[in-house]
Amino acid sequence: MAIRINGTEVAPPEDARVSLLDLLRERLHLTGTKLGCNQGACGACTVLVDGNRVLSCLTLAVQVDGRTVTTIEGLGADGLHPLQAAFLEHDGLQCGYCTPGQICAASAMLAEVEAGVPSYVTRDLSGPVRLSRDEVRERMSGNLCRCGAHNGIVDAILAVAAERAA
């Protein structure tokens, strides 16, 4: 089998101990995905596997054999992704280190909302999820920004959600 990474088939590593993060950064030189805590606590290494957010530092590359992986490079392959543009417009970054993971997580989070998946703070479980600032904060709580750009990140995500709803 092979791993499809940003549209390209890649053979899984022979060493089953290689993390997805190390495969991306060290072997494929896709350095947009960042190494943060290497413990799954910060979200800097978030990528998409079959559209779902995954912490690549905790995922073995062999676990995604036969699946589709999208990194920040893949999201912006055809120009800026709407989330990338919104992060720029709403100052959703400062140093930029966490930004790739934030954008990948936000992409999956918006899909979860569109699918009607509730969060811990969802008030009404009988209808569509209404994306509020509290919903975004809860859903993005696994992605930390040490610079304090959280308000801009929330604004950017809400702007993209509003565009999609229109």
N, C-alpha and C. Protein backbone atom coordinates (compact mmCIF):
# COMPACT_ATOMS: atom_id res chain seq x y z
N MET A 1 0.84 -1.18 0.00
CA MET A 1 0.00 0.00 0.00
C MET A 1 0.88 1.24 0.00
N ALA A 2 0.23 2.38 0.05
CA ALA A 2 0.96 3.65 0.08
C ALA A 2 0.13 4.67 0.85
N ILE A 3 0.81 5.68 1.30
CA ILE A 3 0.15 6.80 1.96
C ILE A 3 0.02 7.90 0.92
N ARG A 4 -1.16 8.47 0.77
CA ARG A 4 -1.36 9.58 -0.15
C ARG A 4 -1.18 10.86 0.67
N ILE A 5 -0.08 11.56 0.41
CA ILE A 5 0.22 12.79 1.15
C ILE A 5 0.14 13.96 0.18
N ASN A 6 -0.82 14.83 0.42
CA ASN A 6 -1.04 16.00 -0.44
C ASN A 6 -1.14 15.61 -1.91
N GLY A 7 -1.80 14.48 -2.15
CA GLY A 7 -2.04 14.03 -3.52
C GLY A 7 -0.95 13.16 -4.12
N THR A 8 0.13 12.93 -3.40
CA THR A 8 1.24 12.13 -3.90
C THR A 8 1.33 10.84 -3.11
N GLU A 9 1.47 9.72 -3.83
CA GLU A 9 1.63 8.42 -3.18
C GLU A 9 3.05 8.30 -2.61
N VAL A 10 3.12 7.92 -1.34
CA VAL A 10 4.41 7.77 -0.64
C VAL A 10 4.41 6.40 0.02
N ALA A 11 5.49 5.69 -0.13
CA ALA A 11 5.61 4.39 0.53
C ALA A 11 5.76 4.60 2.03
N PRO A 12 5.09 3.77 2.83
CA PRO A 12 5.27 3.90 4.27
C PRO A 12 6.71 3.54 4.63
N PRO A 13 7.24 4.10 5.71
CA PRO A 13 8.62 3.79 6.08
C PRO A 13 8.77 2.33 6.48
N GLU A 14 9.94 1.79 6.23
CA GLU A 14 10.20 0.41 6.62
C GLU A 14 10.25 0.25 8.13
N ASP A 15 10.70 1.28 8.82
CA ASP A 15 10.78 1.26 10.28
C ASP A 15 9.41 1.66 10.85
N ALA A 16 8.74 0.74 11.48
CA ALA A 16 7.39 0.97 12.00
C ALA A 16 7.36 1.97 13.15
N ARG A 17 8.53 2.37 13.65
CA ARG A 17 8.57 3.31 14.78
C ARG A 17 8.58 4.77 14.35
N VAL A 18 8.61 5.06 13.06
CA VAL A 18 8.68 6.43 12.57
C VAL A 18 7.32 7.11 12.72
N SER A 19 7.32 8.26 13.37
CA SER A 19 6.06 9.00 13.52
C SER A 19 5.69 9.65 12.20
N LEU A 20 4.42 9.95 12.07
CA LEU A 20 3.96 10.66 10.88
C LEU A 20 4.65 12.01 10.78
N LEU A 21 4.84 12.68 11.91
CA LEU A 21 5.53 13.96 11.92
C LEU A 21 6.95 13.84 11.36
N ASP A 22 7.68 12.83 11.81
CA ASP A 22 9.05 12.64 11.31
C ASP A 22 9.06 12.28 9.84
N LEU A 23 8.10 11.49 9.40
CA LEU A 23 8.01 11.18 7.97
C LEU A 23 7.82 12.46 7.17
N LEU A 24 6.90 13.29 7.61
CA LEU A 24 6.61 14.53 6.89
C LEU A 24 7.80 15.47 6.88
N ARG A 25 8.34 15.75 8.04
CA ARG A 25 9.39 16.76 8.17
C ARG A 25 10.77 16.28 7.73
N GLU A 26 11.17 15.12 8.25
CA GLU A 26 12.55 14.68 8.06
C GLU A 26 12.78 13.93 6.75
N ARG A 27 11.79 13.20 6.32
CA ARG A 27 11.98 12.38 5.13
C ARG A 27 11.39 13.00 3.87
N LEU A 28 10.27 13.71 4.02
CA LEU A 28 9.62 14.31 2.85
C LEU A 28 9.85 15.82 2.76
N HIS A 29 10.47 16.39 3.77
CA HIS A 29 10.81 17.81 3.82
C HIS A 29 9.59 18.72 3.70
N LEU A 30 8.47 18.26 4.24
CA LEU A 30 7.27 19.08 4.34
C LEU A 30 7.31 19.73 5.72
N THR A 31 7.98 20.84 5.81
CA THR A 31 8.29 21.44 7.10
C THR A 31 7.21 22.40 7.62
N GLY A 32 6.09 22.50 6.94
CA GLY A 32 5.00 23.32 7.45
C GLY A 32 4.43 22.77 8.74
N THR A 33 4.38 21.46 8.86
CA THR A 33 3.91 20.82 10.08
C THR A 33 5.01 20.95 11.12
N LYS A 34 4.67 21.48 12.28
CA LYS A 34 5.68 21.81 13.28
C LYS A 34 5.73 20.80 14.42
N LEU A 35 6.92 20.65 14.97
CA LEU A 35 7.13 19.88 16.19
C LEU A 35 7.02 20.84 17.35
N GLY A 36 6.04 20.61 18.20
CA GLY A 36 5.87 21.47 19.38
C GLY A 36 6.34 20.74 20.61
N CYS A 37 5.41 20.11 21.30
CA CYS A 37 5.72 19.45 22.57
C CYS A 37 6.14 17.99 22.40
N ASN A 38 5.82 17.40 21.26
CA ASN A 38 6.09 15.98 20.99
C ASN A 38 5.38 15.06 21.99
N GLN A 39 4.29 15.56 22.58
CA GLN A 39 3.51 14.79 23.55
C GLN A 39 2.01 14.88 23.28
N GLY A 40 1.61 15.54 22.20
CA GLY A 40 0.20 15.66 21.87
C GLY A 40 -0.55 16.69 22.67
N ALA A 41 0.15 17.61 23.31
CA ALA A 41 -0.52 18.58 24.18
C ALA A 41 -0.71 19.95 23.55
N CYS A 42 0.01 20.26 22.45
CA CYS A 42 -0.02 21.63 21.94
C CYS A 42 -0.74 21.79 20.61
N GLY A 43 -0.81 20.74 19.80
CA GLY A 43 -1.52 20.81 18.52
C GLY A 43 -0.71 21.38 17.37
N ALA A 44 0.54 21.76 17.59
CA ALA A 44 1.34 22.34 16.51
C ALA A 44 1.54 21.37 15.34
N CYS A 45 1.47 20.09 15.62
CA CYS A 45 1.72 19.07 14.60
C CYS A 45 0.45 18.56 13.92
N THR A 46 -0.67 19.25 14.11
CA THR A 46 -1.95 18.77 13.58
C THR A 46 -1.93 18.74 12.06
N VAL A 47 -2.34 17.59 11.52
CA VAL A 47 -2.56 17.41 10.09
C VAL A 47 -3.92 16.73 9.92
N LEU A 48 -4.34 16.56 8.70
CA LEU A 48 -5.61 15.90 8.42
C LEU A 48 -5.34 14.50 7.88
N VAL A 49 -6.02 13.53 8.42
CA VAL A 49 -5.98 12.16 7.90
C VAL A 49 -7.41 11.80 7.53
N ASP A 50 -7.64 11.61 6.25
CA ASP A 50 -8.98 11.37 5.72
C ASP A 50 -9.94 12.46 6.19
N GLY A 51 -9.44 13.70 6.28
CA GLY A 51 -10.25 14.85 6.65
C GLY A 51 -10.40 15.09 8.13
N ASN A 52 -9.91 14.19 8.95
CA ASN A 52 -10.01 14.34 10.41
C ASN A 52 -8.69 14.84 10.97
N ARG A 53 -8.75 15.66 12.02
CA ARG A 53 -7.52 16.18 12.60
C ARG A 53 -6.83 15.10 13.42
N VAL A 54 -5.51 15.06 13.25
CA VAL A 54 -4.68 14.05 13.91
C VAL A 54 -3.41 14.74 14.39
N LEU A 55 -2.94 14.35 15.54
CA LEU A 55 -1.66 14.84 16.05
C LEU A 55 -0.57 13.95 15.46
N SER A 56 0.19 14.50 14.54
CA SER A 56 1.17 13.68 13.81
C SER A 56 2.33 13.24 14.68
N CYS A 57 2.57 13.90 15.81
CA CYS A 57 3.66 13.46 16.69
C CYS A 57 3.29 12.18 17.42
N LEU A 58 1.99 11.90 17.57
CA LEU A 58 1.54 10.70 18.28
C LEU A 58 1.06 9.60 17.34
N THR A 59 1.13 9.86 16.05
CA THR A 59 0.65 8.90 15.06
C THR A 59 1.83 8.27 14.35
N LEU A 60 1.86 6.97 14.33
CA LEU A 60 2.91 6.29 13.57
C LEU A 60 2.57 6.37 12.09
N ALA A 61 3.58 6.54 11.27
CA ALA A 61 3.35 6.65 9.83
C ALA A 61 2.66 5.40 9.29
N VAL A 62 3.00 4.23 9.82
CA VAL A 62 2.38 3.00 9.33
C VAL A 62 0.89 2.95 9.64
N GLN A 63 0.43 3.72 10.62
CA GLN A 63 -1.00 3.75 10.94
C GLN A 63 -1.82 4.43 9.85
N VAL A 64 -1.20 5.24 9.02
CA VAL A 64 -1.93 5.94 7.97
C VAL A 64 -1.70 5.32 6.60
N ASP A 65 -1.10 4.13 6.59
CA ASP A 65 -0.90 3.40 5.34
C ASP A 65 -2.27 3.17 4.68
N GLY A 66 -2.39 3.53 3.41
CA GLY A 66 -3.64 3.36 2.69
C GLY A 66 -4.62 4.51 2.89
N ARG A 67 -4.21 5.53 3.61
CA ARG A 67 -5.09 6.67 3.90
C ARG A 67 -4.57 7.94 3.24
N THR A 68 -5.34 9.01 3.36
CA THR A 68 -4.99 10.29 2.76
C THR A 68 -4.60 11.28 3.84
N VAL A 69 -3.41 11.85 3.72
CA VAL A 69 -2.90 12.83 4.66
C VAL A 69 -2.83 14.18 3.94
N THR A 70 -3.33 15.21 4.61
CA THR A 70 -3.23 16.57 4.07
C THR A 70 -2.53 17.43 5.11
N THR A 71 -1.46 18.08 4.68
CA THR A 71 -0.72 19.00 5.54
C THR A 71 -1.08 20.42 5.14
N ILE A 72 -0.50 21.38 5.80
CA ILE A 72 -0.74 22.78 5.46
C ILE A 72 -0.33 23.06 4.02
N GLU A 73 0.71 22.38 3.55
CA GLU A 73 1.13 22.57 2.16
C GLU A 73 0.05 22.09 1.20
N GLY A 74 -0.65 21.01 1.58
CA GLY A 74 -1.71 20.47 0.74
C GLY A 74 -2.96 21.32 0.75
N LEU A 75 -3.26 21.94 1.90
CA LEU A 75 -4.43 22.82 1.96
C LEU A 75 -4.26 24.01 1.04
N GLY A 76 -3.04 24.53 0.94
CA GLY A 76 -2.79 25.71 0.12
C GLY A 76 -2.16 25.40 -1.21
N ALA A 77 -2.35 24.19 -1.71
CA ALA A 77 -1.70 23.78 -2.95
C ALA A 77 -2.16 24.59 -4.16
N ASP A 78 -3.40 25.03 -4.17
CA ASP A 78 -3.94 25.77 -5.31
C ASP A 78 -4.11 27.25 -4.98
N GLY A 79 -3.23 27.82 -4.21
CA GLY A 79 -3.36 29.19 -3.73
C GLY A 79 -3.79 29.16 -2.28
N LEU A 80 -3.98 30.32 -1.71
CA LEU A 80 -4.34 30.37 -0.30
C LEU A 80 -5.69 29.71 -0.05
N HIS A 81 -5.72 28.84 0.93
CA HIS A 81 -6.97 28.27 1.40
C HIS A 81 -7.74 29.40 2.09
N PRO A 82 -9.07 29.38 2.07
CA PRO A 82 -9.82 30.45 2.74
C PRO A 82 -9.42 30.68 4.20
N LEU A 83 -9.08 29.62 4.91
CA LEU A 83 -8.63 29.79 6.29
C LEU A 83 -7.28 30.50 6.35
N GLN A 84 -6.38 30.18 5.44
CA GLN A 84 -5.09 30.85 5.42
C GLN A 84 -5.28 32.35 5.18
N ALA A 85 -6.13 32.69 4.23
CA ALA A 85 -6.41 34.10 3.93
C ALA A 85 -7.06 34.80 5.13
N ALA A 86 -7.98 34.10 5.78
CA ALA A 86 -8.67 34.69 6.93
C ALA A 86 -7.72 34.89 8.10
N PHE A 87 -6.80 33.96 8.32
CA PHE A 87 -5.82 34.13 9.40
C PHE A 87 -4.98 35.37 9.15
N LEU A 88 -4.62 35.61 7.91
CA LEU A 88 -3.86 36.83 7.58
C LEU A 88 -4.71 38.07 7.80
N GLU A 89 -5.93 38.04 7.31
CA GLU A 89 -6.82 39.20 7.38
C GLU A 89 -7.19 39.56 8.83
N HIS A 90 -7.36 38.57 9.68
CA HIS A 90 -7.82 38.80 11.05
C HIS A 90 -6.70 38.72 12.09
N ASP A 91 -5.46 38.78 11.64
CA ASP A 91 -4.30 38.70 12.55
C ASP A 91 -4.38 37.47 13.43
N GLY A 92 -4.66 36.33 12.82
CA GLY A 92 -4.76 35.07 13.55
C GLY A 92 -3.41 34.41 13.73
N LEU A 93 -2.36 35.18 13.71
CA LEU A 93 -1.02 34.64 13.94
C LEU A 93 -0.13 35.76 14.43
N GLN A 94 0.92 35.37 15.10
CA GLN A 94 1.94 36.34 15.48
C GLN A 94 3.28 35.76 15.04
N CYS A 95 3.80 34.81 15.76
CA CYS A 95 5.07 34.22 15.32
C CYS A 95 4.86 33.23 14.19
N GLY A 96 3.66 32.64 14.11
CA GLY A 96 3.33 31.73 13.02
C GLY A 96 3.66 30.28 13.28
N TYR A 97 4.30 29.97 14.39
CA TYR A 97 4.72 28.59 14.63
C TYR A 97 3.53 27.63 14.73
N CYS A 98 2.49 28.03 15.43
CA CYS A 98 1.34 27.15 15.62
C CYS A 98 0.34 27.23 14.47
N THR A 99 0.51 28.20 13.58
CA THR A 99 -0.49 28.49 12.56
C THR A 99 -0.82 27.31 11.65
N PRO A 100 0.15 26.55 11.14
CA PRO A 100 -0.23 25.41 10.29
C PRO A 100 -1.14 24.41 11.01
N GLY A 101 -0.83 24.09 12.26
CA GLY A 101 -1.67 23.18 13.03
C GLY A 101 -3.02 23.78 13.31
N GLN A 102 -3.05 25.07 13.60
CA GLN A 102 -4.32 25.76 13.86
C GLN A 102 -5.21 25.70 12.61
N ILE A 103 -4.65 25.96 11.46
CA ILE A 103 -5.42 25.99 10.22
C ILE A 103 -5.92 24.59 9.86
N CYS A 104 -5.07 23.60 9.99
CA CYS A 104 -5.52 22.22 9.72
C CYS A 104 -6.63 21.83 10.69
N ALA A 105 -6.46 22.14 11.97
CA ALA A 105 -7.49 21.81 12.96
C ALA A 105 -8.79 22.55 12.65
N ALA A 106 -8.69 23.82 12.28
CA ALA A 106 -9.87 24.62 11.97
C ALA A 106 -10.61 24.07 10.76
N SER A 107 -9.87 23.59 9.78
CA SER A 107 -10.48 23.00 8.59
C SER A 107 -11.33 21.79 8.97
N ALA A 108 -10.78 20.91 9.78
CA ALA A 108 -11.53 19.73 10.23
C ALA A 108 -12.67 20.13 11.15
N MET A 109 -12.44 21.13 11.99
CA MET A 109 -13.47 21.58 12.91
C MET A 109 -14.68 22.11 12.16
N LEU A 110 -14.45 22.88 11.10
CA LEU A 110 -15.57 23.41 10.31
C LEU A 110 -16.36 22.27 9.65
N ALA A 111 -15.67 21.24 9.22
CA ALA A 111 -16.36 20.07 8.66
C ALA A 111 -17.19 19.37 9.72
N GLU A 112 -16.67 19.29 10.94
CA GLU A 112 -17.42 18.68 12.05
C GLU A 112 -18.70 19.47 12.32
N VAL A 113 -18.58 20.79 12.33
CA VAL A 113 -19.74 21.65 12.58
C VAL A 113 -20.77 21.46 11.47
N GLU A 114 -20.31 21.45 10.22
CA GLU A 114 -21.22 21.26 9.08
C GLU A 114 -21.92 19.90 9.14
N ALA A 115 -21.25 18.91 9.72
CA ALA A 115 -21.84 17.57 9.86
C ALA A 115 -22.75 17.48 11.08
N GLY A 116 -22.81 18.55 11.88
CA GLY A 116 -23.69 18.56 13.05
C GLY A 116 -23.12 17.90 14.28
N VAL A 117 -21.82 17.72 14.33
CA VAL A 117 -21.18 17.09 15.49
C VAL A 117 -21.15 18.10 16.64
N PRO A 118 -21.76 17.79 17.77
CA PRO A 118 -21.77 18.74 18.89
C PRO A 118 -20.45 18.72 19.65
N SER A 119 -20.24 19.77 20.42
CA SER A 119 -19.08 19.83 21.32
C SER A 119 -19.59 19.84 22.75
N TYR A 120 -18.69 19.95 23.67
CA TYR A 120 -19.03 19.99 25.09
C TYR A 120 -19.92 21.20 25.41
N VAL A 121 -19.75 22.30 24.68
CA VAL A 121 -20.50 23.52 25.00
C VAL A 121 -21.71 23.74 24.09
N THR A 122 -21.99 22.80 23.19
CA THR A 122 -23.16 22.95 22.31
C THR A 122 -24.41 22.93 23.18
N ARG A 123 -25.21 23.98 23.07
CA ARG A 123 -26.40 24.10 23.92
C ARG A 123 -27.59 23.33 23.37
N ASP A 124 -27.84 23.45 22.08
CA ASP A 124 -29.02 22.83 21.48
C ASP A 124 -28.59 21.63 20.65
N LEU A 125 -28.90 20.44 21.11
CA LEU A 125 -28.51 19.22 20.40
C LEU A 125 -29.56 18.77 19.39
N SER A 126 -30.66 19.50 19.29
CA SER A 126 -31.76 19.07 18.41
C SER A 126 -31.66 19.66 17.01
N GLY A 127 -30.82 20.65 16.81
CA GLY A 127 -30.75 21.28 15.49
C GLY A 127 -29.32 21.42 15.02
N PRO A 128 -29.12 22.23 14.01
CA PRO A 128 -27.75 22.43 13.53
C PRO A 128 -26.91 23.15 14.59
N VAL A 129 -25.63 22.87 14.58
CA VAL A 129 -24.71 23.50 15.53
C VAL A 129 -24.54 24.96 15.11
N ARG A 130 -24.74 25.85 16.06
CA ARG A 130 -24.53 27.28 15.81
C ARG A 130 -23.12 27.61 16.31
N LEU A 131 -22.30 28.04 15.39
CA LEU A 131 -20.90 28.30 15.72
C LEU A 131 -20.78 29.66 16.41
N SER A 132 -20.43 29.64 17.67
CA SER A 132 -20.23 30.85 18.46
C SER A 132 -18.76 30.94 18.84
N ARG A 133 -18.39 32.05 19.44
CA ARG A 133 -17.01 32.20 19.91
C ARG A 133 -16.66 31.10 20.92
N ASP A 134 -17.61 30.80 21.81
CA ASP A 134 -17.36 29.73 22.80
C ASP A 134 -17.22 28.37 22.12
N GLU A 135 -18.03 28.10 21.10
CA GLU A 135 -17.91 26.84 20.35
C GLU A 135 -16.53 26.73 19.72
N VAL A 136 -16.08 27.80 19.08
CA VAL A 136 -14.77 27.77 18.42
C VAL A 136 -13.67 27.57 19.45
N ARG A 137 -13.74 28.29 20.55
CA ARG A 137 -12.72 28.14 21.60
C ARG A 137 -12.66 26.71 22.13
N GLU A 138 -13.83 26.14 22.39
CA GLU A 138 -13.87 24.76 22.88
C GLU A 138 -13.30 23.79 21.86
N ARG A 139 -13.74 23.93 20.62
CA ARG A 139 -13.33 22.99 19.58
C ARG A 139 -11.85 23.13 19.21
N MET A 140 -11.28 24.30 19.43
CA MET A 140 -9.87 24.54 19.10
C MET A 140 -8.98 24.47 20.35
N SER A 141 -9.52 24.01 21.46
CA SER A 141 -8.76 24.04 22.72
C SER A 141 -7.53 23.14 22.71
N GLY A 142 -7.45 22.21 21.80
CA GLY A 142 -6.28 21.35 21.71
C GLY A 142 -5.13 21.97 20.94
N ASN A 143 -5.34 23.16 20.40
CA ASN A 143 -4.31 23.87 19.64
C ASN A 143 -3.96 25.15 20.39
N LEU A 144 -2.74 25.19 20.91
CA LEU A 144 -2.31 26.32 21.72
C LEU A 144 -1.55 27.35 20.89
N CYS A 145 -1.73 28.61 21.25
CA CYS A 145 -0.95 29.70 20.68
C CYS A 145 -0.30 30.41 21.84
N ARG A 146 0.99 30.28 21.93
CA ARG A 146 1.70 30.89 23.06
C ARG A 146 1.87 32.39 22.89
N CYS A 147 1.64 32.91 21.69
CA CYS A 147 1.77 34.35 21.44
C CYS A 147 0.51 35.11 21.82
N GLY A 148 -0.59 34.44 21.98
CA GLY A 148 -1.82 35.12 22.36
C GLY A 148 -2.65 35.62 21.19
N ALA A 149 -2.58 34.95 20.05
CA ALA A 149 -3.36 35.37 18.87
C ALA A 149 -4.74 34.71 18.84
N HIS A 150 -5.20 34.20 19.96
CA HIS A 150 -6.45 33.44 20.00
C HIS A 150 -7.64 34.24 19.49
N ASN A 151 -7.75 35.52 19.83
CA ASN A 151 -8.90 36.29 19.36
C ASN A 151 -8.91 36.39 17.84
N GLY A 152 -7.76 36.61 17.23
CA GLY A 152 -7.67 36.66 15.78
C GLY A 152 -7.97 35.31 15.14
N ILE A 153 -7.54 34.24 15.79
CA ILE A 153 -7.81 32.89 15.30
C ILE A 153 -9.32 32.63 15.30
N VAL A 154 -9.98 32.97 16.39
CA VAL A 154 -11.42 32.79 16.49
C VAL A 154 -12.13 33.64 15.44
N ASP A 155 -11.71 34.90 15.29
CA ASP A 155 -12.31 35.79 14.29
C ASP A 155 -12.16 35.21 12.88
N ALA A 156 -10.98 34.69 12.58
CA ALA A 156 -10.73 34.12 11.25
C ALA A 156 -11.63 32.92 10.99
N ILE A 157 -11.75 32.04 11.96
CA ILE A 157 -12.58 30.85 11.79
C ILE A 157 -14.05 31.23 11.63
N LEU A 158 -14.51 32.17 12.44
CA LEU A 158 -15.90 32.61 12.32
C LEU A 158 -16.17 33.28 10.97
N ALA A 159 -15.20 34.01 10.46
CA ALA A 159 -15.36 34.66 9.14
C ALA A 159 -15.50 33.61 8.05
N VAL A 160 -14.68 32.57 8.09
CA VAL A 160 -14.77 31.51 7.07
C VAL A 160 -16.09 30.76 7.21
N ALA A 161 -16.48 30.50 8.44
CA ALA A 161 -17.77 29.82 8.67
C ALA A 161 -18.92 30.64 8.12
N ALA A 162 -18.89 31.95 8.32
CA ALA A 162 -19.94 32.83 7.80
C ALA A 162 -19.96 32.83 6.27
N GLU A 163 -18.78 32.82 5.65
CA GLU A 163 -18.71 32.76 4.19
C GLU A 163 -19.30 31.46 3.66
N ARG A 164 -19.02 30.37 4.32
CA ARG A 164 -19.55 29.07 3.90
C ARG A 164 -21.07 29.00 4.06
N ALA A 165 -21.58 29.66 5.10
CA ALA A 165 -23.01 29.62 5.37
C ALA A 165 -23.81 30.51 4.41
N ALA A 166 -23.12 31.49 3.82
CA ALA A 166 -23.81 32.44 2.93
C ALA A 166 -24.12 31.85 1.57
